Each structure stands twice: as structure tokens, then as C-alpha cells.
């Protein structure tokens, strides 16, 4: 039987995507940051068994995450460079737009209420995604209205009514706060 010996570089070399080195670097930095914060975020209780300590599993998890992040970084470092790294990173950054949309929604719900904010954002996001016909925008508004109806009326989830409801007459305001 023939035994093949590989060098460390051959052992860690693998196929990777263009943005893998950036991802590996960011993940290693995150892992090291979490590892540096472990003392201030967990506790060791006296009189408790070692495996039952509140800090035990978080420390094990973060240590493993850091070791595997370091191995991933080494692997990305020794692999051949693939063109398009920053194009791939720019593609990832496009997803941040939806975080901004969501944060705007969360910010506006206390002002405009759950109903108006949900319908408005459903229509705006449908428009943003390219659904620009009246039929599709109406459908997105109807679906958003249905979601509000299900959550507020049938499931009775307590959601903010919004400052705008204060402008309504008393009977209408009570109805809107209860059902929409």
C-alpha cells in the first residue's frame, strides 16, 4: 500500500469562492472578539460541577468557533487567489439594504401604527423588487392587510397602535387600536 505524504499547504488548500478570504478574515476577527469578551459575559459559580457551569458551554463553543475560523483563514490564505473578491463582497453588501428597510419599518411602526406601516412597506418592497403593476401592488397591500388582520384580530398579538391613531375620533381610535 502506497502512503502519500502531503505538505501543510497541500493539506489546507481547497477550492474556494472569490470572497472566501474576506469572509474567513471577518469570521476570525469576530471569533477572536467573542473570545476576548468571554470573561465579562459568563460566570463560574462556586459549588457547581465543572460541566454544569454556566460558562462552560459558551467557552467550548467560542473556542471551537475560533479554532475552526483560524483553520478556515489558513486554508483561504494558502489557496490560490481567485479574481473577483471585491465584486463578491459588493454582492454581499447589497443585502444590507434590507436591514435598512427593516430598521425603517421598526422605527415607523410606533408613529404610523402596525397596519399603515405594514401595508406601506409591503407595497414599497414589492415595488422595489420590480413588481410594479397595479395588480401586484394591490395584491401586496391585500396580503399585508391580511397579515395585520390575522395577527391583531385573530391571534390578538399586542402590537403598537401608533401615534397617528391619536388623530382619529374616539370610537374609531378604539376600534383601530383593538383590531388594526
C-alpha atoms as a PDB file:
ATOM      1  CA  UNK A   1       0.000   0.000   0.000  1.00  0.00           C
ATOM      2  CA  UNK A   2       1.383   3.366  -1.046  1.00  0.00           C
ATOM      3  CA  UNK A   3       1.204   6.133   1.566  1.00  0.00           C
ATOM      4  CA  UNK A   4       1.106   9.656   0.238  1.00  0.00           C
ATOM      5  CA  UNK A   5       2.503  12.462   2.406  1.00  0.00           C
ATOM      6  CA  UNK A   6       1.117  15.941   1.907  1.00  0.00           C
ATOM      7  CA  UNK A   7       2.638  19.204   2.920  1.00  0.00           C
ATOM      8  CA  UNK A   8       0.745  21.536   5.233  1.00  0.00           C
ATOM      9  CA  UNK A   9      -0.031  23.803   2.298  1.00  0.00           C
ATOM     10  CA  UNK A  10      -1.464  20.883   0.282  1.00  0.00           C
ATOM     11  CA  UNK A  11      -3.469  19.735   3.287  1.00  0.00           C
ATOM     12  CA  UNK A  12      -5.192  23.090   3.716  1.00  0.00           C
ATOM     13  CA  UNK A  13      -5.519  24.011   0.043  1.00  0.00           C
ATOM     14  CA  UNK A  14      -9.006  23.715  -1.394  1.00  0.00           C
ATOM     15  CA  UNK A  15     -11.384  25.204  -3.917  1.00  0.00           C
ATOM     16  CA  UNK A  16     -12.857  28.433  -2.695  1.00  0.00           C
ATOM     17  CA  UNK A  17     -15.104  31.259  -3.803  1.00  0.00           C
ATOM     18  CA  UNK A  18     -13.745  34.723  -4.619  1.00  0.00           C
ATOM     19  CA  UNK A  19     -14.842  36.283  -1.310  1.00  0.00           C
ATOM     20  CA  UNK A  20     -13.751  33.390   0.901  1.00  0.00           C
ATOM     21  CA  UNK A  21     -10.623  35.108   2.236  1.00  0.00           C
ATOM     22  CA  UNK A  22     -12.620  38.199   3.237  1.00  0.00           C
ATOM     23  CA  UNK A  23     -15.280  36.034   4.884  1.00  0.00           C
ATOM     24  CA  UNK A  24     -12.660  33.928   6.692  1.00  0.00           C
ATOM     25  CA  UNK A  25     -10.895  37.066   7.927  1.00  0.00           C
ATOM     26  CA  UNK A  26     -14.104  38.676   9.190  1.00  0.00           C
ATOM     27  CA  UNK A  27     -15.209  35.465  10.870  1.00  0.00           C
ATOM     28  CA  UNK A  28     -11.824  35.048  12.568  1.00  0.00           C
ATOM     29  CA  UNK A  29     -11.948  38.654  13.844  1.00  0.00           C
ATOM     30  CA  UNK A  30     -15.487  38.078  15.157  1.00  0.00           C
ATOM     31  CA  UNK A  31     -14.412  34.836  16.854  1.00  0.00           C
ATOM     32  CA  UNK A  32     -11.413  36.480  18.483  1.00  0.00           C
ATOM     33  CA  UNK A  33     -13.579  39.380  19.656  1.00  0.00           C
ATOM     34  CA  UNK A  34     -16.109  36.985  21.223  1.00  0.00           C
ATOM     35  CA  UNK A  35     -13.283  35.045  22.836  1.00  0.00           C
ATOM     36  CA  UNK A  36     -11.863  38.265  24.297  1.00  0.00           C
ATOM     37  CA  UNK A  37     -15.261  39.101  25.837  1.00  0.00           C
ATOM     38  CA  UNK A  38     -15.958  35.699  27.388  1.00  0.00           C
ATOM     39  CA  UNK A  39     -14.834  36.665  30.918  1.00  0.00           C
ATOM     40  CA  UNK A  40     -17.175  39.634  31.097  1.00  0.00           C
ATOM     41  CA  UNK A  41     -20.141  37.760  29.608  1.00  0.00           C
ATOM     42  CA  UNK A  42     -20.105  34.474  31.547  1.00  0.00           C
ATOM     43  CA  UNK A  43     -19.689  33.400  35.150  1.00  0.00           C
ATOM     44  CA  UNK A  44     -18.205  30.478  37.044  1.00  0.00           C
ATOM     45  CA  UNK A  45     -20.305  29.585  40.086  1.00  0.00           C
ATOM     46  CA  UNK A  46     -18.684  28.074  43.115  1.00  0.00           C
ATOM     47  CA  UNK A  47     -20.083  24.747  44.261  1.00  0.00           C
ATOM     48  CA  UNK A  48     -21.299  23.798  40.771  1.00  0.00           C
ATOM     49  CA  UNK A  49     -19.962  20.838  38.833  1.00  0.00           C
ATOM     50  CA  UNK A  50     -17.469  21.685  36.086  1.00  0.00           C
ATOM     51  CA  UNK A  51     -19.726  20.543  33.200  1.00  0.00           C
ATOM     52  CA  UNK A  52     -22.725  22.322  34.745  1.00  0.00           C
ATOM     53  CA  UNK A  53     -21.037  25.701  34.932  1.00  0.00           C
ATOM     54  CA  UNK A  54     -22.952  28.470  33.112  1.00  0.00           C
ATOM     55  CA  UNK A  55     -19.726  29.475  31.352  1.00  0.00           C
ATOM     56  CA  UNK A  56     -18.617  26.001  30.287  1.00  0.00           C
ATOM     57  CA  UNK A  57     -20.550  25.502  27.038  1.00  0.00           C
ATOM     58  CA  UNK A  58     -20.241  29.093  25.820  1.00  0.00           C
ATOM     59  CA  UNK A  59     -16.471  28.846  26.298  1.00  0.00           C
ATOM     60  CA  UNK A  60     -16.315  25.489  24.497  1.00  0.00           C
ATOM     61  CA  UNK A  61     -18.449  26.875  21.655  1.00  0.00           C
ATOM     62  CA  UNK A  62     -16.406  30.040  21.191  1.00  0.00           C
ATOM     63  CA  UNK A  63     -13.113  28.176  21.469  1.00  0.00           C
ATOM     64  CA  UNK A  64     -14.230  25.725  18.762  1.00  0.00           C
ATOM     65  CA  UNK A  65     -15.516  28.589  16.637  1.00  0.00           C
ATOM     66  CA  UNK A  66     -12.167  30.373  16.958  1.00  0.00           C
ATOM     67  CA  UNK A  67     -10.136  27.243  16.138  1.00  0.00           C
ATOM     68  CA  UNK A  68     -12.236  26.470  13.068  1.00  0.00           C
ATOM     69  CA  UNK A  69     -12.218  30.120  11.986  1.00  0.00           C
ATOM     70  CA  UNK A  70      -8.411  30.085  12.218  1.00  0.00           C
ATOM     71  CA  UNK A  71      -8.244  26.866  10.171  1.00  0.00           C
ATOM     72  CA  UNK A  72     -10.595  28.379   7.586  1.00  0.00           C
ATOM     73  CA  UNK A  73      -8.444  31.509   7.446  1.00  0.00           C
ATOM     74  CA  UNK A  74      -5.251  29.458   6.983  1.00  0.00           C
ATOM     75  CA  UNK A  75      -6.959  27.477   4.248  1.00  0.00           C
ATOM     76  CA  UNK A  76      -8.115  30.640   2.492  1.00  0.00           C
ATOM     77  CA  UNK A  77      -4.668  32.198   2.876  1.00  0.00           C
ATOM     78  CA  UNK A  78      -2.743  29.307   1.270  1.00  0.00           C
ATOM     79  CA  UNK A  79      -5.265  28.710  -1.523  1.00  0.00           C
ATOM     80  CA  UNK A  80      -4.709  30.375  -4.885  1.00  0.00           C
ATOM     81  CA  UNK A  81      -6.155  33.865  -5.187  1.00  0.00           C
ATOM     82  CA  UNK A  82      -9.360  33.990  -7.205  1.00  0.00           C
ATOM     83  CA  UNK A  83     -10.223  37.186  -9.061  1.00  0.00           C
ATOM     84  CA  UNK A  84     -13.462  38.942  -8.170  1.00  0.00           C
ATOM     85  CA  UNK A  85     -13.029  39.148  -4.405  1.00  0.00           C
ATOM     86  CA  UNK A  86     -14.364  42.691  -4.103  1.00  0.00           C
ATOM     87  CA  UNK A  87     -17.148  42.035  -6.586  1.00  0.00           C
ATOM     88  CA  UNK A  88     -18.282  39.200  -4.320  1.00  0.00           C
ATOM     89  CA  UNK A  89     -18.053  41.423  -1.231  1.00  0.00           C
ATOM     90  CA  UNK A  90     -20.084  44.129  -3.014  1.00  0.00           C
ATOM     91  CA  UNK A  91     -22.711  41.475  -3.754  1.00  0.00           C
ATOM     92  CA  UNK A  92     -22.867  40.617  -0.026  1.00  0.00           C
ATOM     93  CA  UNK A  93     -23.243  44.277   0.889  1.00  0.00           C
ATOM     94  CA  UNK A  94     -26.372  44.541  -1.236  1.00  0.00           C
ATOM     95  CA  UNK A  95     -28.164  42.515   1.441  1.00  0.00           C
ATOM     96  CA  UNK A  96     -27.591  45.354   3.914  1.00  0.00           C
ATOM     97  CA  UNK A  97     -30.243  47.336   2.051  1.00  0.00           C
ATOM     98  CA  UNK A  98     -32.906  45.058   3.522  1.00  0.00           C
ATOM     99  CA  UNK A  99     -31.581  45.639   7.027  1.00  0.00           C
ATOM    100  CA  UNK A 100     -32.123  49.352   6.409  1.00  0.00           C
ATOM    101  CA  UNK A 101     -35.662  48.658   5.143  1.00  0.00           C
ATOM    102  CA  UNK A 102     -36.415  46.595   8.239  1.00  0.00           C
ATOM    103  CA  UNK A 103     -34.968  49.188  10.616  1.00  0.00           C
ATOM    104  CA  UNK A 104     -37.034  51.912   8.938  1.00  0.00           C
ATOM    105  CA  UNK A 105     -40.125  49.726   9.379  1.00  0.00           C
ATOM    106  CA  UNK A 106     -39.372  49.151  13.072  1.00  0.00           C
ATOM    107  CA  UNK A 107     -38.767  52.871  13.541  1.00  0.00           C
ATOM    108  CA  UNK A 108     -42.019  53.915  11.818  1.00  0.00           C
ATOM    109  CA  UNK A 109     -44.425  51.402  13.427  1.00  0.00           C
ATOM    110  CA  UNK A 110     -44.763  53.403  16.699  1.00  0.00           C
ATOM    111  CA  UNK A 111     -45.573  56.528  14.694  1.00  0.00           C
ATOM    112  CA  UNK A 112     -47.833  55.208  11.924  1.00  0.00           C
ATOM    113  CA  UNK A 113     -49.108  52.054  13.604  1.00  0.00           C
ATOM    114  CA  UNK A 114     -48.800  48.417  12.627  1.00  0.00           C
ATOM    115  CA  UNK A 115     -51.488  48.498   9.922  1.00  0.00           C
ATOM    116  CA  UNK A 116     -50.332  51.519   7.945  1.00  0.00           C
ATOM    117  CA  UNK A 117     -46.615  50.686   8.314  1.00  0.00           C
ATOM    118  CA  UNK A 118     -47.088  47.064   7.238  1.00  0.00           C
ATOM    119  CA  UNK A 119     -49.182  47.927   4.188  1.00  0.00           C
ATOM    120  CA  UNK A 120     -46.860  50.770   3.201  1.00  0.00           C
ATOM    121  CA  UNK A 121     -43.706  48.660   3.499  1.00  0.00           C
ATOM    122  CA  UNK A 122     -45.242  45.674   1.716  1.00  0.00           C
ATOM    123  CA  UNK A 123     -46.139  47.892  -1.243  1.00  0.00           C
ATOM    124  CA  UNK A 124     -42.767  49.680  -1.215  1.00  0.00           C
ATOM    125  CA  UNK A 125     -40.816  46.413  -1.057  1.00  0.00           C
ATOM    126  CA  UNK A 126     -42.934  44.888  -3.830  1.00  0.00           C
ATOM    127  CA  UNK A 127     -42.212  47.977  -5.932  1.00  0.00           C
ATOM    128  CA  UNK A 128     -38.507  47.775  -5.031  1.00  0.00           C
ATOM    129  CA  UNK A 129     -38.361  44.139  -6.133  1.00  0.00           C
ATOM    130  CA  UNK A 130     -39.776  45.041  -9.540  1.00  0.00           C
ATOM    131  CA  UNK A 131     -43.477  44.230  -9.097  1.00  0.00           C
ATOM    132  CA  UNK A 132     -44.776  47.485 -10.493  1.00  0.00           C
ATOM    133  CA  UNK A 133     -48.157  46.608 -11.941  1.00  0.00           C
ATOM    134  CA  UNK A 134     -51.274  47.832 -10.175  1.00  0.00           C
ATOM    135  CA  UNK A 135     -52.383  44.238  -9.741  1.00  0.00           C
ATOM    136  CA  UNK A 136     -49.186  43.192  -7.933  1.00  0.00           C
ATOM    137  CA  UNK A 137     -49.045  46.292  -5.738  1.00  0.00           C
ATOM    138  CA  UNK A 138     -52.706  45.789  -4.791  1.00  0.00           C
ATOM    139  CA  UNK A 139     -52.020  42.139  -4.031  1.00  0.00           C
ATOM    140  CA  UNK A 140     -49.094  43.056  -1.783  1.00  0.00           C
ATOM    141  CA  UNK A 141     -51.281  45.595   0.057  1.00  0.00           C
ATOM    142  CA  UNK A 142     -54.028  42.971   0.464  1.00  0.00           C
ATOM    143  CA  UNK A 143     -51.553  40.402   1.788  1.00  0.00           C
ATOM    144  CA  UNK A 144     -50.151  42.928   4.265  1.00  0.00           C
ATOM    145  CA  UNK A 145     -53.679  43.803   5.409  1.00  0.00           C
ATOM    146  CA  UNK A 146     -54.398  40.085   5.851  1.00  0.00           C
ATOM    147  CA  UNK A 147     -51.252  39.638   7.946  1.00  0.00           C
ATOM    148  CA  UNK A 148     -52.287  42.535  10.190  1.00  0.00           C
ATOM    149  CA  UNK A 149     -55.809  41.124  10.478  1.00  0.00           C
ATOM    150  CA  UNK A 150     -54.531  37.675  11.439  1.00  0.00           C
ATOM    151  CA  UNK A 151     -52.032  38.946  13.996  1.00  0.00           C
ATOM    152  CA  UNK A 152     -54.098  41.685  15.617  1.00  0.00           C
ATOM    153  CA  UNK A 153     -57.646  40.346  15.352  1.00  0.00           C
ATOM    154  CA  UNK A 154     -57.455  36.556  15.363  1.00  0.00           C
ATOM    155  CA  UNK A 155     -54.226  35.899  17.278  1.00  0.00           C
ATOM    156  CA  UNK A 156     -54.682  39.019  19.443  1.00  0.00           C
ATOM    157  CA  UNK A 157     -50.983  39.844  19.385  1.00  0.00           C
ATOM    158  CA  UNK A 158     -50.379  43.115  21.203  1.00  0.00           C
ATOM    159  CA  UNK A 159     -48.779  45.440  18.642  1.00  0.00           C
ATOM    160  CA  UNK A 160     -48.357  49.209  18.805  1.00  0.00           C
ATOM    161  CA  UNK A 161     -51.231  51.275  17.508  1.00  0.00           C
ATOM    162  CA  UNK A 162     -49.181  54.271  16.512  1.00  0.00           C
ATOM    163  CA  UNK A 163     -49.278  57.957  17.332  1.00  0.00           C
ATOM    164  CA  UNK A 164     -51.308  58.625  14.193  1.00  0.00           C
ATOM    165  CA  UNK A 165     -54.287  56.881  15.826  1.00  0.00           C
ATOM    166  CA  UNK A 166     -54.484  59.767  18.313  1.00  0.00           C
ATOM    167  CA  UNK A 167     -55.811  61.935  15.450  1.00  0.00           C
ATOM    168  CA  UNK A 168     -58.854  59.694  14.988  1.00  0.00           C
ATOM    169  CA  UNK A 169     -62.240  60.210  16.713  1.00  0.00           C
ATOM    170  CA  UNK A 170     -62.606  58.273  19.993  1.00  0.00           C
ATOM    171  CA  UNK A 171     -64.807  55.427  18.695  1.00  0.00           C
ATOM    172  CA  UNK A 172     -62.705  54.931  15.568  1.00  0.00           C
ATOM    173  CA  UNK A 173     -59.483  55.078  17.593  1.00  0.00           C
ATOM    174  CA  UNK A 174     -60.713  52.372  19.987  1.00  0.00           C
ATOM    175  CA  UNK A 175     -61.725  50.168  17.050  1.00  0.00           C
ATOM    176  CA  UNK A 176     -58.418  50.665  15.249  1.00  0.00           C
ATOM    177  CA  UNK A 177     -56.369  50.009  18.399  1.00  0.00           C
ATOM    178  CA  UNK A 178     -58.292  46.804  19.052  1.00  0.00           C
ATOM    179  CA  UNK A 179     -58.459  45.305  15.574  1.00  0.00           C
ATOM    180  CA  UNK A 180     -55.833  47.062  13.428  1.00  0.00           C
END
